[in-house]
Amino acid sequence: MDAAVLSALWISVKVATCATIACIVPALAIARWLARGSSRGRSVVETLCALPLVLPPTAVGFLLLALLGVDGPLGRRGLGLDLLLTWQGAVIASAVMAFPLVLRGARTAFEEVDPRLERMGASLGLSRFAVWTRISLPLARRGLIAAAVLGFGRALGEFGATLLVAGNLPGETQTMSLLLWEDIQLGQESRAVTLVGLTALLAFVLLFAANRLTRGGRASR
């Protein structure tokens, strides 16, 4: 692999890791509420959170541009953030696109925890936070890890929103997906084949790990 591929691989892993970490806390909180909270408003919240799954990535990227642009509410003249054309901007775009997968996986993991065990813990004097940390999270951990793995995979392959928000700057924001797109545009088929094989291998490993975690969690429960 040449230097451009290694650089794109490193940037992709860095962006996907940070995006997954950014997703975890809000995804866990919302997933827990969706799995155990009252029914009022859950459908609306779930639908809003799932929008990046069905919206074109370029549409999500355009909305992020409106928020993070110079005149946007979060941009330089708003909240003061200057994230366009940076790898941190790529993290935000990837996190938004990966969030629905992490949320869905986390919700499923929490729903498979027997609520009677949580009620039993509460009856023994545990606080809600203690029930969550000492009963719910340990029992759902394999499903939650699988959700994080899927989110990482989605962030690793993000293209459309990342291109609009972070651009395609070699050595700075150029991920494997963006380098592959560039190679196809320039007719560099040999390196494009290498990138396709590398991304396919990574996708297979991540999906295989997520499936094993999911099946293992169900068997242990």
C-alpha atoms as a PDB file:
ATOM      1  CA  MET A   1       0.000   0.000   0.000  1.00  0.00           C
ATOM      2  CA  ASP A   2       1.297   3.439  -0.872  1.00  0.00           C
ATOM      3  CA  ALA A   3       1.431   6.464   1.414  1.00  0.00           C
ATOM      4  CA  ALA A   4      -1.919   7.852   0.207  1.00  0.00           C
ATOM      5  CA  VAL A   5      -3.765   4.642   1.101  1.00  0.00           C
ATOM      6  CA  LEU A   6      -2.110   4.428   4.529  1.00  0.00           C
ATOM      7  CA  SER A   7      -2.937   8.066   5.224  1.00  0.00           C
ATOM      8  CA  ALA A   8      -6.567   7.594   4.169  1.00  0.00           C
ATOM      9  CA  LEU A   9      -6.800   4.437   6.295  1.00  0.00           C
ATOM     10  CA  TRP A  10      -5.464   6.244   9.360  1.00  0.00           C
ATOM     11  CA  ILE A  11      -7.821   9.206   8.874  1.00  0.00           C
ATOM     12  CA  SER A  12     -10.766   6.857   8.339  1.00  0.00           C
ATOM     13  CA  VAL A  13     -10.038   4.911  11.531  1.00  0.00           C
ATOM     14  CA  LYS A  14      -9.477   8.109  13.521  1.00  0.00           C
ATOM     15  CA  VAL A  15     -12.675   9.726  12.279  1.00  0.00           C
ATOM     16  CA  ALA A  16     -14.760   6.558  12.727  1.00  0.00           C
ATOM     17  CA  THR A  17     -13.449   5.982  16.262  1.00  0.00           C
ATOM     18  CA  CYS A  18     -14.174   9.543  17.383  1.00  0.00           C
ATOM     19  CA  ALA A  19     -17.590   9.477  15.688  1.00  0.00           C
ATOM     20  CA  THR A  20     -18.519   6.231  17.440  1.00  0.00           C
ATOM     21  CA  ILE A  21     -17.441   7.596  20.823  1.00  0.00           C
ATOM     22  CA  ALA A  22     -19.497  10.732  20.177  1.00  0.00           C
ATOM     23  CA  CYS A  23     -22.565   8.575  19.441  1.00  0.00           C
ATOM     24  CA  ILE A  24     -22.392   6.295  22.457  1.00  0.00           C
ATOM     25  CA  VAL A  25     -23.625   8.475  25.335  1.00  0.00           C
ATOM     26  CA  PRO A  26     -26.641  10.064  23.577  1.00  0.00           C
ATOM     27  CA  ALA A  27     -27.503   6.747  21.899  1.00  0.00           C
ATOM     28  CA  LEU A  28     -27.494   4.895  25.234  1.00  0.00           C
ATOM     29  CA  ALA A  29     -29.636   7.518  26.929  1.00  0.00           C
ATOM     30  CA  ILE A  30     -32.224   7.698  24.133  1.00  0.00           C
ATOM     31  CA  ALA A  31     -32.214   3.909  23.599  1.00  0.00           C
ATOM     32  CA  ARG A  32     -32.863   3.324  27.284  1.00  0.00           C
ATOM     33  CA  TRP A  33     -35.785   5.773  27.220  1.00  0.00           C
ATOM     34  CA  LEU A  34     -37.206   4.210  24.042  1.00  0.00           C
ATOM     35  CA  ALA A  35     -36.944   0.714  25.526  1.00  0.00           C
ATOM     36  CA  ARG A  36     -38.375   1.482  28.954  1.00  0.00           C
ATOM     37  CA  GLY A  37     -39.927   4.962  28.863  1.00  0.00           C
ATOM     38  CA  SER A  38     -43.541   5.991  28.449  1.00  0.00           C
ATOM     39  CA  SER A  39     -45.108   5.647  25.017  1.00  0.00           C
ATOM     40  CA  ARG A  40     -45.853   9.369  24.632  1.00  0.00           C
ATOM     41  CA  GLY A  41     -43.588  10.904  22.020  1.00  0.00           C
ATOM     42  CA  ARG A  42     -41.480   7.798  21.464  1.00  0.00           C
ATOM     43  CA  SER A  43     -42.550   7.320  17.842  1.00  0.00           C
ATOM     44  CA  VAL A  44     -41.725  10.921  16.965  1.00  0.00           C
ATOM     45  CA  VAL A  45     -38.304  10.777  18.637  1.00  0.00           C
ATOM     46  CA  GLU A  46     -37.492   7.431  17.048  1.00  0.00           C
ATOM     47  CA  THR A  47     -38.500   8.700  13.616  1.00  0.00           C
ATOM     48  CA  LEU A  48     -36.409  11.868  13.948  1.00  0.00           C
ATOM     49  CA  CYS A  49     -33.383   9.878  15.068  1.00  0.00           C
ATOM     50  CA  ALA A  50     -33.755   7.471  12.132  1.00  0.00           C
ATOM     51  CA  LEU A  51     -33.900  10.198   9.458  1.00  0.00           C
ATOM     52  CA  PRO A  52     -30.192   9.945   8.498  1.00  0.00           C
ATOM     53  CA  LEU A  53     -30.849   6.307   7.518  1.00  0.00           C
ATOM     54  CA  VAL A  54     -33.292   7.307   4.781  1.00  0.00           C
ATOM     55  CA  LEU A  55     -32.211  10.828   3.834  1.00  0.00           C
ATOM     56  CA  PRO A  56     -29.599  11.104   1.082  1.00  0.00           C
ATOM     57  CA  PRO A  57     -26.184  11.638   2.722  1.00  0.00           C
ATOM     58  CA  THR A  58     -25.764  14.782   0.644  1.00  0.00           C
ATOM     59  CA  ALA A  59     -28.971  16.171   2.156  1.00  0.00           C
ATOM     60  CA  VAL A  60     -27.594  15.509   5.646  1.00  0.00           C
ATOM     61  CA  GLY A  61     -24.347  17.159   4.581  1.00  0.00           C
ATOM     62  CA  PHE A  62     -26.235  20.207   3.315  1.00  0.00           C
ATOM     63  CA  LEU A  63     -28.078  20.554   6.625  1.00  0.00           C
ATOM     64  CA  LEU A  64     -24.783  20.302   8.494  1.00  0.00           C
ATOM     65  CA  LEU A  65     -23.320  22.955   6.217  1.00  0.00           C
ATOM     66  CA  ALA A  66     -26.229  25.228   7.125  1.00  0.00           C
ATOM     67  CA  LEU A  67     -25.518  24.643  10.822  1.00  0.00           C
ATOM     68  CA  LEU A  68     -21.716  24.792  10.723  1.00  0.00           C
ATOM     69  CA  GLY A  69     -21.234  27.384   7.980  1.00  0.00           C
ATOM     70  CA  VAL A  70     -19.797  30.808   8.710  1.00  0.00           C
ATOM     71  CA  ASP A  71     -23.275  32.321   9.121  1.00  0.00           C
ATOM     72  CA  GLY A  72     -24.836  29.211  10.653  1.00  0.00           C
ATOM     73  CA  PRO A  73     -25.949  29.029  14.287  1.00  0.00           C
ATOM     74  CA  LEU A  74     -22.957  26.833  15.169  1.00  0.00           C
ATOM     75  CA  GLY A  75     -20.500  28.473  12.783  1.00  0.00           C
ATOM     76  CA  ARG A  76     -17.870  31.153  13.173  1.00  0.00           C
ATOM     77  CA  ARG A  77     -20.368  33.998  13.537  1.00  0.00           C
ATOM     78  CA  GLY A  78     -22.727  31.958  15.683  1.00  0.00           C
ATOM     79  CA  LEU A  79     -21.403  29.714  18.421  1.00  0.00           C
ATOM     80  CA  GLY A  80     -17.874  30.263  17.149  1.00  0.00           C
ATOM     81  CA  LEU A  81     -17.084  26.781  15.811  1.00  0.00           C
ATOM     82  CA  ASP A  82     -14.828  26.539  12.766  1.00  0.00           C
ATOM     83  CA  LEU A  83     -15.170  22.896  11.720  1.00  0.00           C
ATOM     84  CA  LEU A  84     -15.638  23.014   7.967  1.00  0.00           C
ATOM     85  CA  LEU A  85     -12.835  21.379   5.956  1.00  0.00           C
ATOM     86  CA  THR A  86     -11.379  19.753   9.094  1.00  0.00           C
ATOM     87  CA  TRP A  87     -11.210  16.159  10.307  1.00  0.00           C
ATOM     88  CA  GLN A  88     -13.334  17.218  13.285  1.00  0.00           C
ATOM     89  CA  GLY A  89     -16.028  18.222  10.818  1.00  0.00           C
ATOM     90  CA  ALA A  90     -15.730  14.774   9.272  1.00  0.00           C
ATOM     91  CA  VAL A  91     -16.270  13.319  12.758  1.00  0.00           C
ATOM     92  CA  ILE A  92     -19.512  15.261  13.157  1.00  0.00           C
ATOM     93  CA  ALA A  93     -20.793  14.211   9.736  1.00  0.00           C
ATOM     94  CA  SER A  94     -19.880  10.560  10.339  1.00  0.00           C
ATOM     95  CA  ALA A  95     -21.403  10.610  13.839  1.00  0.00           C
ATOM     96  CA  VAL A  96     -24.706  11.924  12.514  1.00  0.00           C
ATOM     97  CA  MET A  97     -24.833   9.209   9.860  1.00  0.00           C
ATOM     98  CA  ALA A  98     -23.806   6.427  12.271  1.00  0.00           C
ATOM     99  CA  PHE A  99     -26.053   7.485  15.157  1.00  0.00           C
ATOM    100  CA  PRO A 100     -29.250   5.719  13.968  1.00  0.00           C
ATOM    101  CA  LEU A 101     -27.498   2.346  13.737  1.00  0.00           C
ATOM    102  CA  VAL A 102     -25.975   2.699  17.201  1.00  0.00           C
ATOM    103  CA  LEU A 103     -29.335   3.771  18.605  1.00  0.00           C
ATOM    104  CA  ARG A 104     -31.253   0.879  17.059  1.00  0.00           C
ATOM    105  CA  GLY A 105     -28.747  -1.682  18.218  1.00  0.00           C
ATOM    106  CA  ALA A 106     -28.675  -0.241  21.733  1.00  0.00           C
ATOM    107  CA  ARG A 107     -32.456  -0.158  21.940  1.00  0.00           C
ATOM    108  CA  THR A 108     -32.672  -3.812  20.913  1.00  0.00           C
ATOM    109  CA  ALA A 109     -30.049  -4.721  23.500  1.00  0.00           C
ATOM    110  CA  PHE A 110     -31.985  -2.969  26.283  1.00  0.00           C
ATOM    111  CA  GLU A 111     -35.301  -4.469  25.182  1.00  0.00           C
ATOM    112  CA  GLU A 112     -33.827  -7.971  25.505  1.00  0.00           C
ATOM    113  CA  VAL A 113     -32.963  -7.378  29.177  1.00  0.00           C
ATOM    114  CA  ASP A 114     -35.655  -8.909  31.380  1.00  0.00           C
ATOM    115  CA  PRO A 115     -37.431  -5.963  33.059  1.00  0.00           C
ATOM    116  CA  ARG A 116     -38.231  -8.179  36.041  1.00  0.00           C
ATOM    117  CA  LEU A 117     -34.549  -8.153  36.965  1.00  0.00           C
ATOM    118  CA  GLU A 118     -34.551  -4.365  36.923  1.00  0.00           C
ATOM    119  CA  ARG A 119     -37.666  -4.229  39.084  1.00  0.00           C
ATOM    120  CA  MET A 120     -36.084  -6.717  41.465  1.00  0.00           C
ATOM    121  CA  GLY A 121     -33.034  -4.503  41.805  1.00  0.00           C
ATOM    122  CA  ALA A 122     -35.223  -1.474  42.472  1.00  0.00           C
ATOM    123  CA  SER A 123     -37.176  -3.413  45.114  1.00  0.00           C
ATOM    124  CA  LEU A 124     -33.883  -4.144  46.882  1.00  0.00           C
ATOM    125  CA  GLY A 125     -33.211  -0.440  47.230  1.00  0.00           C
ATOM    126  CA  LEU A 126     -31.071   0.298  44.164  1.00  0.00           C
ATOM    127  CA  SER A 127     -31.472   3.738  42.620  1.00  0.00           C
ATOM    128  CA  ARG A 128     -32.408   4.107  38.962  1.00  0.00           C
ATOM    129  CA  PHE A 129     -28.815   4.905  38.101  1.00  0.00           C
ATOM    130  CA  ALA A 130     -27.576   1.864  40.043  1.00  0.00           C
ATOM    131  CA  VAL A 131     -30.118  -0.377  38.300  1.00  0.00           C
ATOM    132  CA  TRP A 132     -28.935   0.962  34.964  1.00  0.00           C
ATOM    133  CA  THR A 133     -25.207   0.581  35.656  1.00  0.00           C
ATOM    134  CA  ARG A 134     -25.285  -2.649  37.695  1.00  0.00           C
ATOM    135  CA  ILE A 135     -28.058  -4.590  35.953  1.00  0.00           C
ATOM    136  CA  SER A 136     -29.113  -3.155  32.583  1.00  0.00           C
ATOM    137  CA  LEU A 137     -25.699  -2.282  31.134  1.00  0.00           C
ATOM    138  CA  PRO A 138     -23.943  -5.550  32.116  1.00  0.00           C
ATOM    139  CA  LEU A 139     -26.766  -7.674  30.726  1.00  0.00           C
ATOM    140  CA  ALA A 140     -26.952  -5.669  27.504  1.00  0.00           C
ATOM    141  CA  ARG A 141     -23.209  -5.210  27.046  1.00  0.00           C
ATOM    142  CA  ARG A 142     -22.728  -7.618  24.134  1.00  0.00           C
ATOM    143  CA  GLY A 143     -25.576  -6.031  22.183  1.00  0.00           C
ATOM    144  CA  LEU A 144     -24.253  -2.566  22.998  1.00  0.00           C
ATOM    145  CA  ILE A 145     -20.766  -3.494  21.781  1.00  0.00           C
ATOM    146  CA  ALA A 146     -22.321  -4.892  18.591  1.00  0.00           C
ATOM    147  CA  ALA A 147     -24.190  -1.610  18.109  1.00  0.00           C
ATOM    148  CA  ALA A 148     -20.950   0.335  18.532  1.00  0.00           C
ATOM    149  CA  VAL A 149     -19.197  -1.941  16.029  1.00  0.00           C
ATOM    150  CA  LEU A 150     -21.935  -1.353  13.446  1.00  0.00           C
ATOM    151  CA  GLY A 151     -21.773   2.384  14.081  1.00  0.00           C
ATOM    152  CA  PHE A 152     -18.005   2.303  13.613  1.00  0.00           C
ATOM    153  CA  GLY A 153     -18.451   0.470  10.327  1.00  0.00           C
ATOM    154  CA  ARG A 154     -21.012   2.994   9.109  1.00  0.00           C
ATOM    155  CA  ALA A 155     -18.766   5.899  10.057  1.00  0.00           C
ATOM    156  CA  LEU A 156     -15.786   4.188   8.407  1.00  0.00           C
ATOM    157  CA  GLY A 157     -17.579   4.074   5.072  1.00  0.00           C
ATOM    158  CA  GLU A 158     -19.269   7.484   5.195  1.00  0.00           C
ATOM    159  CA  PHE A 159     -18.912   9.513   1.990  1.00  0.00           C
ATOM    160  CA  GLY A 160     -21.592  12.032   1.006  1.00  0.00           C
ATOM    161  CA  ALA A 161     -22.027  14.082   4.178  1.00  0.00           C
ATOM    162  CA  THR A 162     -18.287  13.956   4.891  1.00  0.00           C
ATOM    163  CA  LEU A 163     -17.420  15.256   1.432  1.00  0.00           C
ATOM    164  CA  LEU A 164     -19.693  18.289   1.824  1.00  0.00           C
ATOM    165  CA  VAL A 165     -18.638  19.147   5.368  1.00  0.00           C
ATOM    166  CA  ALA A 166     -14.940  18.220   5.440  1.00  0.00           C
ATOM    167  CA  GLY A 167     -13.950  18.237   1.784  1.00  0.00           C
ATOM    168  CA  ASN A 168     -11.385  15.922   0.239  1.00  0.00           C
ATOM    169  CA  LEU A 169      -8.042  17.209   1.485  1.00  0.00           C
ATOM    170  CA  PRO A 170      -5.219  14.629   1.172  1.00  0.00           C
ATOM    171  CA  GLY A 171      -3.549  13.973   4.510  1.00  0.00           C
ATOM    172  CA  GLU A 172      -6.194  15.947   6.418  1.00  0.00           C
ATOM    173  CA  THR A 173      -9.759  14.889   5.628  1.00  0.00           C
ATOM    174  CA  GLN A 174      -9.328  12.346   2.824  1.00  0.00           C
ATOM    175  CA  THR A 175     -10.803   9.055   4.039  1.00  0.00           C
ATOM    176  CA  MET A 176     -10.703   5.750   2.173  1.00  0.00           C
ATOM    177  CA  SER A 177     -14.130   6.397   0.654  1.00  0.00           C
ATOM    178  CA  LEU A 178     -13.026   9.784  -0.630  1.00  0.00           C
ATOM    179  CA  LEU A 179      -9.732   8.431  -1.966  1.00  0.00           C
ATOM    180  CA  LEU A 180     -11.613   5.643  -3.744  1.00  0.00           C
ATOM    181  CA  TRP A 181     -13.953   8.187  -5.336  1.00  0.00           C
ATOM    182  CA  GLU A 182     -10.974  10.284  -6.425  1.00  0.00           C
ATOM    183  CA  ASP A 183      -9.178   7.286  -7.922  1.00  0.00           C
ATOM    184  CA  ILE A 184     -12.274   6.309  -9.899  1.00  0.00           C
ATOM    185  CA  GLN A 185     -12.576   9.873 -11.179  1.00  0.00           C
ATOM    186  CA  LEU A 186      -8.917   9.906 -12.242  1.00  0.00           C
ATOM    187  CA  GLY A 187      -8.948   6.396 -13.707  1.00  0.00           C
ATOM    188  CA  GLN A 188      -6.448   4.922 -11.228  1.00  0.00           C
ATOM    189  CA  GLU A 189      -8.037   1.492 -11.355  1.00  0.00           C
ATOM    190  CA  SER A 190      -5.247  -0.498  -9.691  1.00  0.00           C
ATOM    191  CA  ARG A 191      -5.332   1.524  -6.481  1.00  0.00           C
ATOM    192  CA  ALA A 192      -9.128   1.648  -6.609  1.00  0.00           C
ATOM    193  CA  VAL A 193      -9.186  -2.169  -6.642  1.00  0.00           C
ATOM    194  CA  THR A 194      -6.879  -2.203  -3.610  1.00  0.00           C
ATOM    195  CA  LEU A 195      -9.156   0.202  -1.760  1.00  0.00           C
ATOM    196  CA  VAL A 196     -12.262  -1.807  -2.634  1.00  0.00           C
ATOM    197  CA  GLY A 197     -10.615  -4.987  -1.346  1.00  0.00           C
ATOM    198  CA  LEU A 198      -9.470  -3.268   1.860  1.00  0.00           C
ATOM    199  CA  THR A 199     -12.857  -1.739   2.597  1.00  0.00           C
ATOM    200  CA  ALA A 200     -14.621  -5.020   1.831  1.00  0.00           C
ATOM    201  CA  LEU A 201     -12.300  -6.864   4.225  1.00  0.00           C
ATOM    202  CA  LEU A 202     -12.894  -4.331   6.992  1.00  0.00           C
ATOM    203  CA  ALA A 203     -16.658  -4.451   6.431  1.00  0.00           C
ATOM    204  CA  PHE A 204     -16.652  -8.261   6.604  1.00  0.00           C
ATOM    205  CA  VAL A 205     -14.669  -8.301   9.855  1.00  0.00           C
ATOM    206  CA  LEU A 206     -16.932  -5.700  11.479  1.00  0.00           C
ATOM    207  CA  LEU A 207     -20.165  -7.411  10.410  1.00  0.00           C
ATOM    208  CA  PHE A 208     -18.858 -10.812  11.470  1.00  0.00           C
ATOM    209  CA  ALA A 209     -17.914  -9.437  14.899  1.00  0.00           C
ATOM    210  CA  ALA A 210     -21.287  -7.717  15.330  1.00  0.00           C
ATOM    211  CA  ASN A 211     -23.184 -10.896  14.404  1.00  0.00           C
ATOM    212  CA  ARG A 212     -21.114 -13.024  16.797  1.00  0.00           C
ATOM    213  CA  LEU A 213     -21.673 -10.540  19.615  1.00  0.00           C
ATOM    214  CA  THR A 214     -25.412 -10.418  18.965  1.00  0.00           C
ATOM    215  CA  ARG A 215     -25.818 -14.196  18.840  1.00  0.00           C
ATOM    216  CA  GLY A 216     -23.593 -14.668  21.870  1.00  0.00           C
ATOM    217  CA  GLY A 217     -25.585 -12.147  23.872  1.00  0.00           C
ATOM    218  CA  ARG A 218     -28.879 -13.856  23.098  1.00  0.00           C
ATOM    219  CA  ALA A 219     -27.475 -17.274  23.994  1.00  0.00           C
ATOM    220  CA  SER A 220     -26.124 -16.055  27.343  1.00  0.00           C
ATOM    221  CA  ARG A 221     -29.446 -14.463  28.237  1.00  0.00           C
END
